[in-house]
């Protein structure tokens, strides 16, 4: 986990997209090897971005805006999201 100059904490993880991919606001569904970035602002605002692993451009995960009651929950939430996105498909 890293902390930016503004006090925002960020975390990234590379994973293989689930069947059906991940829906983004900008380009629709993306699939393949992806990287999830979660960022928690000091006020609890949660940012979820995703990109193709190693690519430069990030996309916003559809479904927001998101807010954490306590920004300290960010690290645990990141792990839960990666586990859900990377779980085996039936």
N, C-alpha and C. Protein backbone atom coordinates (compact mmCIF):
# COMPACT_ATOMS: atom_id res chain seq x y z
N UNK A 1 0.86 -1.16 0.00
CA UNK A 1 0.00 0.00 0.00
C UNK A 1 0.90 1.22 0.00
N UNK A 2 0.50 2.23 -0.78
CA UNK A 2 1.26 3.47 -0.82
C UNK A 2 0.38 4.63 -0.42
N UNK A 3 1.01 5.70 0.05
CA UNK A 3 0.27 6.90 0.42
C UNK A 3 0.76 8.04 -0.45
N UNK A 4 -0.18 8.79 -1.04
CA UNK A 4 0.17 9.90 -1.90
C UNK A 4 0.35 11.16 -1.08
N UNK A 5 0.78 12.24 -1.72
CA UNK A 5 1.00 13.52 -1.05
C UNK A 5 -0.28 14.06 -0.41
N UNK A 6 -1.45 13.74 -1.00
CA UNK A 6 -2.71 14.26 -0.48
C UNK A 6 -3.26 13.43 0.69
N UNK A 7 -2.54 12.37 1.07
CA UNK A 7 -3.01 11.51 2.16
C UNK A 7 -3.85 10.34 1.69
N UNK A 8 -4.03 10.21 0.38
CA UNK A 8 -4.77 9.10 -0.20
C UNK A 8 -3.92 7.84 -0.12
N UNK A 9 -4.52 6.72 0.27
CA UNK A 9 -3.81 5.44 0.25
C UNK A 9 -4.22 4.68 -1.00
N UNK A 10 -3.25 4.03 -1.65
CA UNK A 10 -3.50 3.28 -2.88
C UNK A 10 -2.95 1.87 -2.74
N UNK A 11 -3.62 0.96 -3.44
CA UNK A 11 -3.17 -0.43 -3.46
C UNK A 11 -3.46 -1.00 -4.84
N UNK A 12 -2.55 -1.81 -5.40
CA UNK A 12 -2.76 -2.43 -6.71
C UNK A 12 -2.48 -3.92 -6.64
N UNK A 13 -3.19 -4.68 -7.48
CA UNK A 13 -2.99 -6.12 -7.60
C UNK A 13 -3.29 -6.54 -9.03
N UNK A 14 -2.45 -7.41 -9.59
CA UNK A 14 -2.67 -7.99 -10.91
C UNK A 14 -3.42 -9.32 -10.72
N UNK A 15 -4.41 -9.56 -11.59
CA UNK A 15 -5.20 -10.78 -11.51
C UNK A 15 -5.79 -11.08 -12.89
N UNK A 16 -6.29 -12.29 -13.07
CA UNK A 16 -6.97 -12.67 -14.31
C UNK A 16 -8.45 -12.36 -14.15
N UNK A 17 -9.02 -11.69 -15.14
CA UNK A 17 -10.44 -11.30 -15.08
C UNK A 17 -11.34 -12.52 -14.98
N UNK A 18 -12.47 -12.37 -14.27
CA UNK A 18 -13.44 -13.46 -14.21
C UNK A 18 -14.13 -13.61 -15.57
N UNK A 19 -14.81 -14.73 -15.76
CA UNK A 19 -15.59 -14.91 -16.97
C UNK A 19 -16.57 -13.74 -17.08
N UNK A 20 -16.64 -13.14 -18.23
CA UNK A 20 -17.51 -11.99 -18.42
C UNK A 20 -16.78 -10.67 -18.23
N UNK A 21 -15.55 -10.71 -17.68
CA UNK A 21 -14.74 -9.51 -17.54
C UNK A 21 -15.20 -8.57 -16.44
N UNK A 22 -14.69 -7.35 -16.50
CA UNK A 22 -15.01 -6.31 -15.53
C UNK A 22 -15.57 -5.12 -16.29
N UNK A 23 -16.74 -4.62 -15.88
CA UNK A 23 -17.40 -3.50 -16.55
C UNK A 23 -16.76 -2.19 -16.14
N UNK A 24 -16.44 -1.35 -17.13
CA UNK A 24 -15.88 -0.03 -16.87
C UNK A 24 -16.81 1.05 -17.40
N UNK A 25 -16.67 2.25 -16.87
CA UNK A 25 -17.48 3.38 -17.32
C UNK A 25 -17.08 3.84 -18.73
N UNK A 26 -15.79 3.79 -19.04
CA UNK A 26 -15.29 4.39 -20.27
C UNK A 26 -15.37 3.49 -21.50
N UNK A 27 -15.04 2.20 -21.35
CA UNK A 27 -14.92 1.34 -22.53
C UNK A 27 -15.75 0.06 -22.43
N UNK A 28 -16.62 -0.05 -21.45
CA UNK A 28 -17.40 -1.28 -21.29
C UNK A 28 -16.58 -2.36 -20.62
N UNK A 29 -16.79 -3.60 -21.04
CA UNK A 29 -16.16 -4.76 -20.39
C UNK A 29 -14.72 -4.93 -20.87
N UNK A 30 -13.80 -5.19 -19.92
CA UNK A 30 -12.44 -5.57 -20.28
C UNK A 30 -12.14 -6.93 -19.67
N UNK A 31 -11.31 -7.70 -20.36
CA UNK A 31 -11.00 -9.07 -19.94
C UNK A 31 -9.49 -9.30 -20.02
N UNK A 32 -9.06 -10.46 -19.56
CA UNK A 32 -7.66 -10.83 -19.64
C UNK A 32 -6.94 -10.58 -18.33
N UNK A 33 -5.63 -10.37 -18.42
CA UNK A 33 -4.84 -10.08 -17.22
C UNK A 33 -5.00 -8.59 -16.90
N UNK A 34 -5.56 -8.30 -15.73
CA UNK A 34 -5.90 -6.93 -15.35
C UNK A 34 -5.18 -6.54 -14.08
N UNK A 35 -5.18 -5.24 -13.82
CA UNK A 35 -4.62 -4.71 -12.58
C UNK A 35 -5.68 -3.83 -11.94
N UNK A 36 -6.01 -4.10 -10.69
CA UNK A 36 -6.98 -3.33 -9.93
C UNK A 36 -6.25 -2.34 -9.05
N UNK A 37 -6.69 -1.08 -9.09
CA UNK A 37 -6.18 -0.06 -8.19
C UNK A 37 -7.34 0.42 -7.34
N UNK A 38 -7.15 0.38 -6.03
CA UNK A 38 -8.12 0.98 -5.12
C UNK A 38 -7.42 2.10 -4.39
N UNK A 39 -8.13 3.19 -4.20
CA UNK A 39 -7.58 4.34 -3.49
C UNK A 39 -8.62 4.85 -2.52
N UNK A 40 -8.21 5.15 -1.30
CA UNK A 40 -9.11 5.68 -0.28
C UNK A 40 -8.67 7.08 0.10
N UNK A 41 -9.55 8.04 -0.11
CA UNK A 41 -9.29 9.42 0.28
C UNK A 41 -9.48 9.53 1.80
N UNK A 42 -8.91 10.55 2.44
CA UNK A 42 -9.08 10.71 3.89
C UNK A 42 -10.55 10.83 4.32
N UNK A 43 -11.43 11.31 3.42
CA UNK A 43 -12.85 11.45 3.77
C UNK A 43 -13.65 10.17 3.54
N UNK A 44 -12.98 9.08 3.11
CA UNK A 44 -13.66 7.81 2.91
C UNK A 44 -14.06 7.54 1.47
N UNK A 45 -13.89 8.52 0.56
CA UNK A 45 -14.20 8.28 -0.84
C UNK A 45 -13.30 7.17 -1.36
N UNK A 46 -13.91 6.18 -2.00
CA UNK A 46 -13.17 5.03 -2.52
C UNK A 46 -13.16 5.10 -4.04
N UNK A 47 -11.98 5.01 -4.62
CA UNK A 47 -11.81 5.02 -6.06
C UNK A 47 -11.41 3.62 -6.50
N UNK A 48 -12.11 3.09 -7.52
CA UNK A 48 -11.78 1.79 -8.07
C UNK A 48 -11.45 1.98 -9.54
N UNK A 49 -10.21 1.65 -9.91
CA UNK A 49 -9.79 1.76 -11.31
C UNK A 49 -9.18 0.43 -11.72
N UNK A 50 -9.24 0.20 -13.03
CA UNK A 50 -8.72 -1.06 -13.56
C UNK A 50 -8.05 -0.78 -14.90
N UNK A 51 -7.05 -1.59 -15.23
CA UNK A 51 -6.40 -1.47 -16.53
C UNK A 51 -5.88 -2.84 -16.94
N UNK A 52 -5.55 -2.95 -18.22
CA UNK A 52 -4.86 -4.16 -18.66
C UNK A 52 -3.48 -4.14 -17.99
N UNK A 53 -3.05 -5.26 -17.46
CA UNK A 53 -1.78 -5.33 -16.74
C UNK A 53 -0.66 -4.76 -17.58
N UNK A 54 0.06 -3.80 -17.02
CA UNK A 54 1.18 -3.18 -17.70
C UNK A 54 0.83 -2.02 -18.61
N UNK A 55 -0.46 -1.77 -18.84
CA UNK A 55 -0.88 -0.67 -19.72
C UNK A 55 -0.79 0.65 -18.98
N UNK A 56 -0.87 1.73 -19.71
CA UNK A 56 -0.77 3.06 -19.11
C UNK A 56 -2.13 3.62 -18.69
N UNK A 57 -3.17 3.29 -19.43
CA UNK A 57 -4.48 3.92 -19.20
C UNK A 57 -5.34 3.15 -18.20
N UNK A 58 -5.85 3.87 -17.20
CA UNK A 58 -6.74 3.31 -16.19
C UNK A 58 -8.18 3.62 -16.56
N UNK A 59 -9.10 2.71 -16.21
CA UNK A 59 -10.54 2.89 -16.42
C UNK A 59 -11.25 2.82 -15.08
N UNK A 60 -12.38 3.50 -14.98
CA UNK A 60 -13.18 3.51 -13.76
C UNK A 60 -14.08 2.28 -13.73
N UNK A 61 -14.04 1.52 -12.65
CA UNK A 61 -14.92 0.37 -12.49
C UNK A 61 -16.35 0.90 -12.33
N UNK A 62 -17.28 0.34 -13.10
CA UNK A 62 -18.67 0.79 -13.07
C UNK A 62 -19.31 0.50 -11.72
N UNK A 63 -20.24 1.37 -11.32
CA UNK A 63 -21.01 1.11 -10.12
C UNK A 63 -20.86 2.12 -9.01
N UNK A 64 -19.95 3.07 -9.13
CA UNK A 64 -19.71 4.04 -8.05
C UNK A 64 -20.73 5.14 -8.03
N UNK A 65 -20.60 6.11 -7.21
CA UNK A 65 -19.47 6.34 -6.32
C UNK A 65 -19.54 5.44 -5.08
N UNK A 66 -18.39 5.22 -4.50
CA UNK A 66 -18.26 4.37 -3.33
C UNK A 66 -17.70 5.18 -2.18
N UNK A 67 -18.14 4.87 -0.97
CA UNK A 67 -17.63 5.58 0.21
C UNK A 67 -17.47 4.56 1.34
N UNK A 68 -16.32 4.64 2.01
CA UNK A 68 -16.06 3.82 3.18
C UNK A 68 -16.46 4.59 4.43
N UNK A 69 -17.07 3.91 5.37
CA UNK A 69 -17.37 4.55 6.66
C UNK A 69 -16.08 4.93 7.37
N UNK A 70 -15.09 4.05 7.25
CA UNK A 70 -13.79 4.28 7.88
C UNK A 70 -12.70 4.00 6.85
N UNK A 71 -11.93 5.00 6.41
CA UNK A 71 -10.89 4.80 5.40
C UNK A 71 -9.87 3.72 5.76
N UNK A 72 -9.75 3.38 7.03
CA UNK A 72 -8.81 2.32 7.43
C UNK A 72 -9.25 0.96 6.90
N UNK A 73 -10.51 0.82 6.47
CA UNK A 73 -11.01 -0.44 5.92
C UNK A 73 -10.53 -0.69 4.50
N UNK A 74 -9.85 0.27 3.92
CA UNK A 74 -9.44 0.19 2.52
C UNK A 74 -8.62 -1.06 2.20
N UNK A 75 -7.63 -1.37 2.99
CA UNK A 75 -6.75 -2.50 2.69
C UNK A 75 -7.52 -3.82 2.68
N UNK A 76 -8.39 -4.02 3.65
CA UNK A 76 -9.19 -5.24 3.70
C UNK A 76 -10.15 -5.30 2.52
N UNK A 77 -10.78 -4.18 2.20
CA UNK A 77 -11.70 -4.14 1.07
C UNK A 77 -10.99 -4.47 -0.23
N UNK A 78 -9.78 -3.97 -0.41
CA UNK A 78 -9.01 -4.28 -1.62
C UNK A 78 -8.84 -5.79 -1.76
N UNK A 79 -8.45 -6.46 -0.69
CA UNK A 79 -8.26 -7.92 -0.72
C UNK A 79 -9.55 -8.65 -1.04
N UNK A 80 -10.66 -8.19 -0.48
CA UNK A 80 -11.97 -8.81 -0.76
C UNK A 80 -12.32 -8.65 -2.24
N UNK A 81 -12.13 -7.45 -2.79
CA UNK A 81 -12.45 -7.21 -4.20
C UNK A 81 -11.61 -8.09 -5.12
N UNK A 82 -10.32 -8.20 -4.85
CA UNK A 82 -9.46 -9.06 -5.69
C UNK A 82 -9.92 -10.50 -5.58
N UNK A 83 -10.26 -10.95 -4.39
CA UNK A 83 -10.73 -12.33 -4.21
C UNK A 83 -12.02 -12.58 -4.98
N UNK A 84 -12.93 -11.63 -4.95
CA UNK A 84 -14.19 -11.78 -5.69
C UNK A 84 -13.96 -11.78 -7.20
N UNK A 85 -13.10 -10.90 -7.67
CA UNK A 85 -12.85 -10.81 -9.11
C UNK A 85 -12.03 -11.99 -9.62
N UNK A 86 -11.25 -12.63 -8.75
CA UNK A 86 -10.35 -13.70 -9.17
C UNK A 86 -10.86 -15.09 -8.79
N UNK A 87 -12.08 -15.19 -8.25
CA UNK A 87 -12.57 -16.49 -7.81
C UNK A 87 -12.86 -17.41 -9.00
N UNK A 88 -12.76 -18.72 -8.80
CA UNK A 88 -13.05 -19.67 -9.86
C UNK A 88 -14.52 -19.55 -10.30
N UNK A 89 -14.75 -19.68 -11.58
CA UNK A 89 -16.11 -19.60 -12.12
C UNK A 89 -16.72 -20.98 -12.19
N UNK A 90 -18.04 -21.08 -11.98
CA UNK A 90 -18.70 -22.40 -12.07
C UNK A 90 -18.73 -22.93 -13.49
